[in-house]
Amino acid sequence: MKLLDGGRAPNPRRVRVFMAEKGIKVPIESIDMSAMEHKSETVTEHNRLQRLPVLILDDGTALTESVAICRYFEEIHPQPPLMGIDAVDKARVEMWQRRMEMHLLLLVANVFRHAHPAMATWEVPQIKEFSDANRPKVLASLVWLNDELEHRPFIAGERYTIADITAMIALDFMKPARLEIPVELTHLLDWYKRVKARPSSNA
């Protein structure tokens, strides 16, 4: 088994944090995305979309998409459970994981990809107006999430889950996107401080 990894990019980090929470270690092959190595034959052979991460199993099966890779690890290493423990809980975690992807991480990515100079050759066409349009949407999502976290310690309930991983990485991604968490969102900031204190956050 081998993981083709993309460094500090959000989706590779999601998988590494998930693995760190479970204590899973697999050989990692670093792919330098800044040098466009994700466009190489090595990556394309396993993922024609040329996206990372890619998990290559011992039989040659290639799994792509970060949440799908995490689902595989959840099935073969069920403890600690990061994707739910019963039918209702699994659905709840999936609901919040999806919300964190669609209503936070994607919005932050839109701000970054359509405004940062380093992304000009990646995001073609790069549309600054689209970046600007997503900035207030990010803020609205932060306010919504802050209100939700007033009533529970983690995104999906009483336990740390993959939804917290996605949300944490979305907030980390705000820095290069030149976005900030408003200081008055105290519930969100408290949660962020707690999840960043977990050793896995450095994976």
C-alpha atoms as a PDB file:
ATOM      1  CA  MET A   1       0.000   0.000   0.000  1.00  0.00           C
ATOM      2  CA  LYS A   2       1.252   3.490  -0.863  1.00  0.00           C
ATOM      3  CA  LEU A   3      -0.155   7.006  -0.620  1.00  0.00           C
ATOM      4  CA  LEU A   4       0.624   9.539  -3.326  1.00  0.00           C
ATOM      5  CA  ASP A   5       0.575  12.716  -1.285  1.00  0.00           C
ATOM      6  CA  GLY A   6       0.302  16.368  -2.250  1.00  0.00           C
ATOM      7  CA  GLY A   7       1.881  18.115   0.708  1.00  0.00           C
ATOM      8  CA  ARG A   8       0.063  21.090   2.255  1.00  0.00           C
ATOM      9  CA  ALA A   9      -2.846  21.089  -0.179  1.00  0.00           C
ATOM     10  CA  PRO A  10      -6.162  20.704   1.704  1.00  0.00           C
ATOM     11  CA  ASN A  11      -7.291  17.313   0.414  1.00  0.00           C
ATOM     12  CA  PRO A  12      -4.024  15.436   0.989  1.00  0.00           C
ATOM     13  CA  ARG A  13      -3.926  16.974   4.466  1.00  0.00           C
ATOM     14  CA  ARG A  14      -7.412  15.690   5.223  1.00  0.00           C
ATOM     15  CA  VAL A  15      -6.248  12.128   4.640  1.00  0.00           C
ATOM     16  CA  ARG A  16      -3.054  12.570   6.659  1.00  0.00           C
ATOM     17  CA  VAL A  17      -4.920  14.043   9.642  1.00  0.00           C
ATOM     18  CA  PHE A  18      -7.456  11.194   9.453  1.00  0.00           C
ATOM     19  CA  MET A  19      -4.635   8.647   9.401  1.00  0.00           C
ATOM     20  CA  ALA A  20      -2.879  10.361  12.305  1.00  0.00           C
ATOM     21  CA  GLU A  21      -6.038  10.238  14.411  1.00  0.00           C
ATOM     22  CA  LYS A  22      -6.223   6.497  13.836  1.00  0.00           C
ATOM     23  CA  GLY A  23      -2.500   5.858  14.191  1.00  0.00           C
ATOM     24  CA  ILE A  24      -2.273   4.515  10.637  1.00  0.00           C
ATOM     25  CA  LYS A  25       1.064   4.640   8.874  1.00  0.00           C
ATOM     26  CA  VAL A  26       1.610   3.748   5.235  1.00  0.00           C
ATOM     27  CA  PRO A  27       4.493   4.525   2.868  1.00  0.00           C
ATOM     28  CA  ILE A  28       4.062   8.010   1.403  1.00  0.00           C
ATOM     29  CA  GLU A  29       5.353   9.203  -1.952  1.00  0.00           C
ATOM     30  CA  SER A  30       5.540  12.991  -1.976  1.00  0.00           C
ATOM     31  CA  ILE A  31       4.320  14.673  -5.139  1.00  0.00           C
ATOM     32  CA  ASP A  32       5.470  18.262  -5.610  1.00  0.00           C
ATOM     33  CA  MET A  33       2.350  20.023  -6.798  1.00  0.00           C
ATOM     34  CA  SER A  34       4.167  23.363  -7.090  1.00  0.00           C
ATOM     35  CA  ALA A  35       6.329  21.705  -9.755  1.00  0.00           C
ATOM     36  CA  MET A  36       3.160  20.334 -11.389  1.00  0.00           C
ATOM     37  CA  GLU A  37       4.182  16.745 -10.604  1.00  0.00           C
ATOM     38  CA  HIS A  38       0.519  15.860 -10.169  1.00  0.00           C
ATOM     39  CA  LYS A  39       0.356  16.106 -13.974  1.00  0.00           C
ATOM     40  CA  SER A  40       3.031  13.419 -14.309  1.00  0.00           C
ATOM     41  CA  GLU A  41       2.570   9.972 -15.831  1.00  0.00           C
ATOM     42  CA  THR A  42       2.932   8.459 -12.352  1.00  0.00           C
ATOM     43  CA  VAL A  43      -0.169  10.217 -11.058  1.00  0.00           C
ATOM     44  CA  THR A  44      -2.115  10.123 -14.332  1.00  0.00           C
ATOM     45  CA  GLU A  45      -1.694   6.347 -14.500  1.00  0.00           C
ATOM     46  CA  HIS A  46      -3.696   6.018 -11.296  1.00  0.00           C
ATOM     47  CA  ASN A  47      -5.971   9.061 -11.592  1.00  0.00           C
ATOM     48  CA  ARG A  48      -6.699  10.542 -14.984  1.00  0.00           C
ATOM     49  CA  LEU A  49      -8.124  13.621 -13.259  1.00  0.00           C
ATOM     50  CA  GLN A  50      -4.546  14.285 -12.038  1.00  0.00           C
ATOM     51  CA  ARG A  51      -5.693  15.068  -8.510  1.00  0.00           C
ATOM     52  CA  LEU A  52      -4.224  14.066  -5.165  1.00  0.00           C
ATOM     53  CA  PRO A  53      -4.214  12.148  -2.908  1.00  0.00           C
ATOM     54  CA  VAL A  54      -4.224   8.666  -4.415  1.00  0.00           C
ATOM     55  CA  LEU A  55      -4.066   5.510  -2.299  1.00  0.00           C
ATOM     56  CA  ILE A  56      -2.607   2.542  -4.165  1.00  0.00           C
ATOM     57  CA  LEU A  57      -3.492  -0.788  -2.568  1.00  0.00           C
ATOM     58  CA  ASP A  58      -1.296  -3.884  -2.626  1.00  0.00           C
ATOM     59  CA  ASP A  59      -3.307  -5.392  -5.490  1.00  0.00           C
ATOM     60  CA  GLY A  60      -2.856  -2.235  -7.583  1.00  0.00           C
ATOM     61  CA  THR A  61      -6.314  -0.810  -6.914  1.00  0.00           C
ATOM     62  CA  ALA A  62      -6.187   2.984  -6.858  1.00  0.00           C
ATOM     63  CA  LEU A  63      -8.527   4.903  -4.578  1.00  0.00           C
ATOM     64  CA  THR A  64      -8.949   8.623  -5.154  1.00  0.00           C
ATOM     65  CA  GLU A  65     -11.003  11.369  -3.478  1.00  0.00           C
ATOM     66  CA  SER A  66      -9.994  12.110   0.092  1.00  0.00           C
ATOM     67  CA  VAL A  67     -13.231  11.057   1.791  1.00  0.00           C
ATOM     68  CA  ALA A  68     -13.309   7.765  -0.137  1.00  0.00           C
ATOM     69  CA  ILE A  69      -9.768   7.044   1.043  1.00  0.00           C
ATOM     70  CA  CYS A  70     -10.798   7.887   4.597  1.00  0.00           C
ATOM     71  CA  ARG A  71     -13.791   5.553   4.268  1.00  0.00           C
ATOM     72  CA  TYR A  72     -11.428   2.735   3.309  1.00  0.00           C
ATOM     73  CA  PHE A  73      -9.272   3.386   6.358  1.00  0.00           C
ATOM     74  CA  GLU A  74     -12.364   3.595   8.569  1.00  0.00           C
ATOM     75  CA  GLU A  75     -13.448   0.146   7.406  1.00  0.00           C
ATOM     76  CA  ILE A  76     -10.100  -1.553   7.977  1.00  0.00           C
ATOM     77  CA  HIS A  77      -9.254   0.416  11.150  1.00  0.00           C
ATOM     78  CA  PRO A  78     -12.620   1.147  12.797  1.00  0.00           C
ATOM     79  CA  GLN A  79     -11.160   2.558  16.028  1.00  0.00           C
ATOM     80  CA  PRO A  80     -11.424   5.326  16.916  1.00  0.00           C
ATOM     81  CA  PRO A  81     -14.594   5.857  14.883  1.00  0.00           C
ATOM     82  CA  LEU A  82     -14.325   9.038  12.831  1.00  0.00           C
ATOM     83  CA  MET A  83     -17.285   8.450  10.504  1.00  0.00           C
ATOM     84  CA  GLY A  84     -20.023   7.467  12.971  1.00  0.00           C
ATOM     85  CA  ILE A  85     -20.932   4.509  15.172  1.00  0.00           C
ATOM     86  CA  ASP A  86     -24.486   3.543  14.171  1.00  0.00           C
ATOM     87  CA  ALA A  87     -26.966   4.281  11.393  1.00  0.00           C
ATOM     88  CA  VAL A  88     -28.125   7.644  12.703  1.00  0.00           C
ATOM     89  CA  ASP A  89     -24.682   8.771  13.809  1.00  0.00           C
ATOM     90  CA  LYS A  90     -23.094   7.784  10.494  1.00  0.00           C
ATOM     91  CA  ALA A  91     -25.736   9.760   8.632  1.00  0.00           C
ATOM     92  CA  ARG A  92     -25.238  12.761  10.914  1.00  0.00           C
ATOM     93  CA  VAL A  93     -21.470  12.705  10.458  1.00  0.00           C
ATOM     94  CA  GLU A  94     -21.885  12.394   6.687  1.00  0.00           C
ATOM     95  CA  MET A  95     -24.334  15.309   6.714  1.00  0.00           C
ATOM     96  CA  TRP A  96     -21.920  17.581   8.561  1.00  0.00           C
ATOM     97  CA  GLN A  97     -18.905  16.378   6.586  1.00  0.00           C
ATOM     98  CA  ARG A  98     -20.743  17.270   3.379  1.00  0.00           C
ATOM     99  CA  ARG A  99     -21.775  20.630   4.782  1.00  0.00           C
ATOM    100  CA  MET A 100     -18.200  21.443   5.730  1.00  0.00           C
ATOM    101  CA  GLU A 101     -17.083  20.557   2.211  1.00  0.00           C
ATOM    102  CA  MET A 102     -19.777  22.411   0.309  1.00  0.00           C
ATOM    103  CA  HIS A 103     -20.486  25.366   2.584  1.00  0.00           C
ATOM    104  CA  LEU A 104     -16.985  26.101   3.873  1.00  0.00           C
ATOM    105  CA  LEU A 105     -13.988  24.377   2.257  1.00  0.00           C
ATOM    106  CA  LEU A 106     -15.242  24.858  -1.304  1.00  0.00           C
ATOM    107  CA  LEU A 107     -16.036  28.520  -0.681  1.00  0.00           C
ATOM    108  CA  VAL A 108     -12.592  29.195   0.776  1.00  0.00           C
ATOM    109  CA  ALA A 109     -11.032  27.361  -2.168  1.00  0.00           C
ATOM    110  CA  ASN A 110     -12.996  29.554  -4.581  1.00  0.00           C
ATOM    111  CA  VAL A 111     -11.650  32.675  -2.893  1.00  0.00           C
ATOM    112  CA  PHE A 112      -8.079  31.380  -3.043  1.00  0.00           C
ATOM    113  CA  ARG A 113      -8.053  29.814  -6.487  1.00  0.00           C
ATOM    114  CA  HIS A 114      -9.630  32.777  -8.239  1.00  0.00           C
ATOM    115  CA  ALA A 115      -7.526  35.517  -6.624  1.00  0.00           C
ATOM    116  CA  HIS A 116      -4.099  34.255  -5.588  1.00  0.00           C
ATOM    117  CA  PRO A 117      -1.399  35.004  -8.204  1.00  0.00           C
ATOM    118  CA  ALA A 118       0.142  31.557  -7.741  1.00  0.00           C
ATOM    119  CA  MET A 119      -3.066  29.980  -9.023  1.00  0.00           C
ATOM    120  CA  ALA A 120      -3.264  31.937 -12.259  1.00  0.00           C
ATOM    121  CA  THR A 121      -1.947  29.044 -14.358  1.00  0.00           C
ATOM    122  CA  TRP A 122      -4.004  26.480 -12.413  1.00  0.00           C
ATOM    123  CA  GLU A 123      -7.431  28.090 -12.463  1.00  0.00           C
ATOM    124  CA  VAL A 124      -8.095  29.023 -16.075  1.00  0.00           C
ATOM    125  CA  PRO A 125      -9.875  31.325 -16.411  1.00  0.00           C
ATOM    126  CA  GLN A 126      -9.091  32.910 -13.057  1.00  0.00           C
ATOM    127  CA  ILE A 127     -12.038  35.192 -12.273  1.00  0.00           C
ATOM    128  CA  LYS A 128     -11.362  37.677  -9.486  1.00  0.00           C
ATOM    129  CA  GLU A 129     -15.026  38.675  -9.337  1.00  0.00           C
ATOM    130  CA  PHE A 130     -15.873  35.067  -8.460  1.00  0.00           C
ATOM    131  CA  SER A 131     -13.355  35.196  -5.614  1.00  0.00           C
ATOM    132  CA  ASP A 132     -14.896  38.430  -4.365  1.00  0.00           C
ATOM    133  CA  ALA A 133     -18.398  36.942  -4.582  1.00  0.00           C
ATOM    134  CA  ASN A 134     -17.394  34.028  -2.367  1.00  0.00           C
ATOM    135  CA  ARG A 135     -15.889  36.130   0.443  1.00  0.00           C
ATOM    136  CA  PRO A 136     -19.236  37.097   2.032  1.00  0.00           C
ATOM    137  CA  LYS A 137     -20.413  33.506   1.634  1.00  0.00           C
ATOM    138  CA  VAL A 138     -17.438  32.317   3.709  1.00  0.00           C
ATOM    139  CA  LEU A 139     -18.307  34.839   6.417  1.00  0.00           C
ATOM    140  CA  ALA A 140     -21.943  33.736   6.438  1.00  0.00           C
ATOM    141  CA  SER A 141     -20.854  30.108   6.856  1.00  0.00           C
ATOM    142  CA  LEU A 142     -18.541  31.039   9.721  1.00  0.00           C
ATOM    143  CA  VAL A 143     -21.366  32.824  11.536  1.00  0.00           C
ATOM    144  CA  TRP A 144     -23.669  29.840  10.999  1.00  0.00           C
ATOM    145  CA  LEU A 145     -21.035  27.396  12.239  1.00  0.00           C
ATOM    146  CA  ASN A 146     -20.281  29.561  15.273  1.00  0.00           C
ATOM    147  CA  ASP A 147     -23.961  29.426  16.242  1.00  0.00           C
ATOM    148  CA  GLU A 148     -24.011  25.643  15.828  1.00  0.00           C
ATOM    149  CA  LEU A 149     -20.949  25.212  18.044  1.00  0.00           C
ATOM    150  CA  GLU A 150     -22.611  27.064  20.886  1.00  0.00           C
ATOM    151  CA  HIS A 151     -24.507  23.868  21.640  1.00  0.00           C
ATOM    152  CA  ARG A 152     -21.961  21.056  21.192  1.00  0.00           C
ATOM    153  CA  PRO A 153     -18.196  20.507  21.418  1.00  0.00           C
ATOM    154  CA  PHE A 154     -17.625  19.197  17.881  1.00  0.00           C
ATOM    155  CA  ILE A 155     -19.076  19.750  14.440  1.00  0.00           C
ATOM    156  CA  ALA A 156     -21.233  16.624  14.301  1.00  0.00           C
ATOM    157  CA  GLY A 157     -21.915  16.171  18.011  1.00  0.00           C
ATOM    158  CA  GLU A 158     -20.063  14.991  21.096  1.00  0.00           C
ATOM    159  CA  ARG A 159     -17.106  13.338  19.351  1.00  0.00           C
ATOM    160  CA  TYR A 160     -14.336  14.452  17.012  1.00  0.00           C
ATOM    161  CA  THR A 161     -15.040  13.209  13.476  1.00  0.00           C
ATOM    162  CA  ILE A 162     -14.052  13.668   9.858  1.00  0.00           C
ATOM    163  CA  ALA A 163     -16.354  16.709   9.799  1.00  0.00           C
ATOM    164  CA  ASP A 164     -14.001  18.421  12.266  1.00  0.00           C
ATOM    165  CA  ILE A 165     -11.032  17.519  10.080  1.00  0.00           C
ATOM    166  CA  THR A 166     -12.611  19.089   7.003  1.00  0.00           C
ATOM    167  CA  ALA A 167     -13.673  22.203   8.904  1.00  0.00           C
ATOM    168  CA  MET A 168     -10.263  22.649  10.535  1.00  0.00           C
ATOM    169  CA  ILE A 169      -8.478  22.396   7.206  1.00  0.00           C
ATOM    170  CA  ALA A 170     -10.938  24.847   5.660  1.00  0.00           C
ATOM    171  CA  LEU A 171     -10.078  27.346   8.396  1.00  0.00           C
ATOM    172  CA  ASP A 172      -6.358  26.685   7.941  1.00  0.00           C
ATOM    173  CA  PHE A 173      -6.850  27.351   4.227  1.00  0.00           C
ATOM    174  CA  MET A 174      -8.273  30.770   5.041  1.00  0.00           C
ATOM    175  CA  LYS A 175      -4.794  32.138   5.746  1.00  0.00           C
ATOM    176  CA  PRO A 176      -3.412  31.836   2.185  1.00  0.00           C
ATOM    177  CA  ALA A 177      -6.844  32.935   0.948  1.00  0.00           C
ATOM    178  CA  ARG A 178      -6.395  36.097   3.057  1.00  0.00           C
ATOM    179  CA  LEU A 179      -9.531  35.523   5.080  1.00  0.00           C
ATOM    180  CA  GLU A 180      -9.897  35.892   8.852  1.00  0.00           C
ATOM    181  CA  ILE A 181     -12.240  34.547  11.500  1.00  0.00           C
ATOM    182  CA  PRO A 182     -14.056  37.502  13.108  1.00  0.00           C
ATOM    183  CA  VAL A 183     -13.044  37.833  16.757  1.00  0.00           C
ATOM    184  CA  GLU A 184     -16.651  37.884  17.912  1.00  0.00           C
ATOM    185  CA  LEU A 185     -17.177  34.276  16.737  1.00  0.00           C
ATOM    186  CA  THR A 186     -15.995  32.936  20.079  1.00  0.00           C
ATOM    187  CA  HIS A 187     -17.565  29.472  19.867  1.00  0.00           C
ATOM    188  CA  LEU A 188     -15.882  28.843  16.529  1.00  0.00           C
ATOM    189  CA  LEU A 189     -12.546  30.173  17.766  1.00  0.00           C
ATOM    190  CA  ASP A 190     -12.706  28.013  20.896  1.00  0.00           C
ATOM    191  CA  TRP A 191     -13.423  24.937  18.789  1.00  0.00           C
ATOM    192  CA  TYR A 192     -10.615  25.824  16.376  1.00  0.00           C
ATOM    193  CA  LYS A 193      -8.134  26.217  19.223  1.00  0.00           C
ATOM    194  CA  ARG A 194      -9.095  22.792  20.606  1.00  0.00           C
ATOM    195  CA  VAL A 195      -8.815  20.900  17.327  1.00  0.00           C
ATOM    196  CA  LYS A 196      -5.545  22.637  16.461  1.00  0.00           C
ATOM    197  CA  ALA A 197      -4.157  21.441  19.794  1.00  0.00           C
ATOM    198  CA  ARG A 198      -4.608  17.812  18.722  1.00  0.00           C
ATOM    199  CA  PRO A 199      -1.308  16.243  17.600  1.00  0.00           C
ATOM    200  CA  SER A 200      -2.946  15.114  14.353  1.00  0.00           C
ATOM    201  CA  SER A 201      -3.378  18.715  13.223  1.00  0.00           C
ATOM    202  CA  ASN A 202       0.324  18.797  12.332  1.00  0.00           C
ATOM    203  CA  ALA A 203       0.085  15.810   9.992  1.00  0.00           C
END
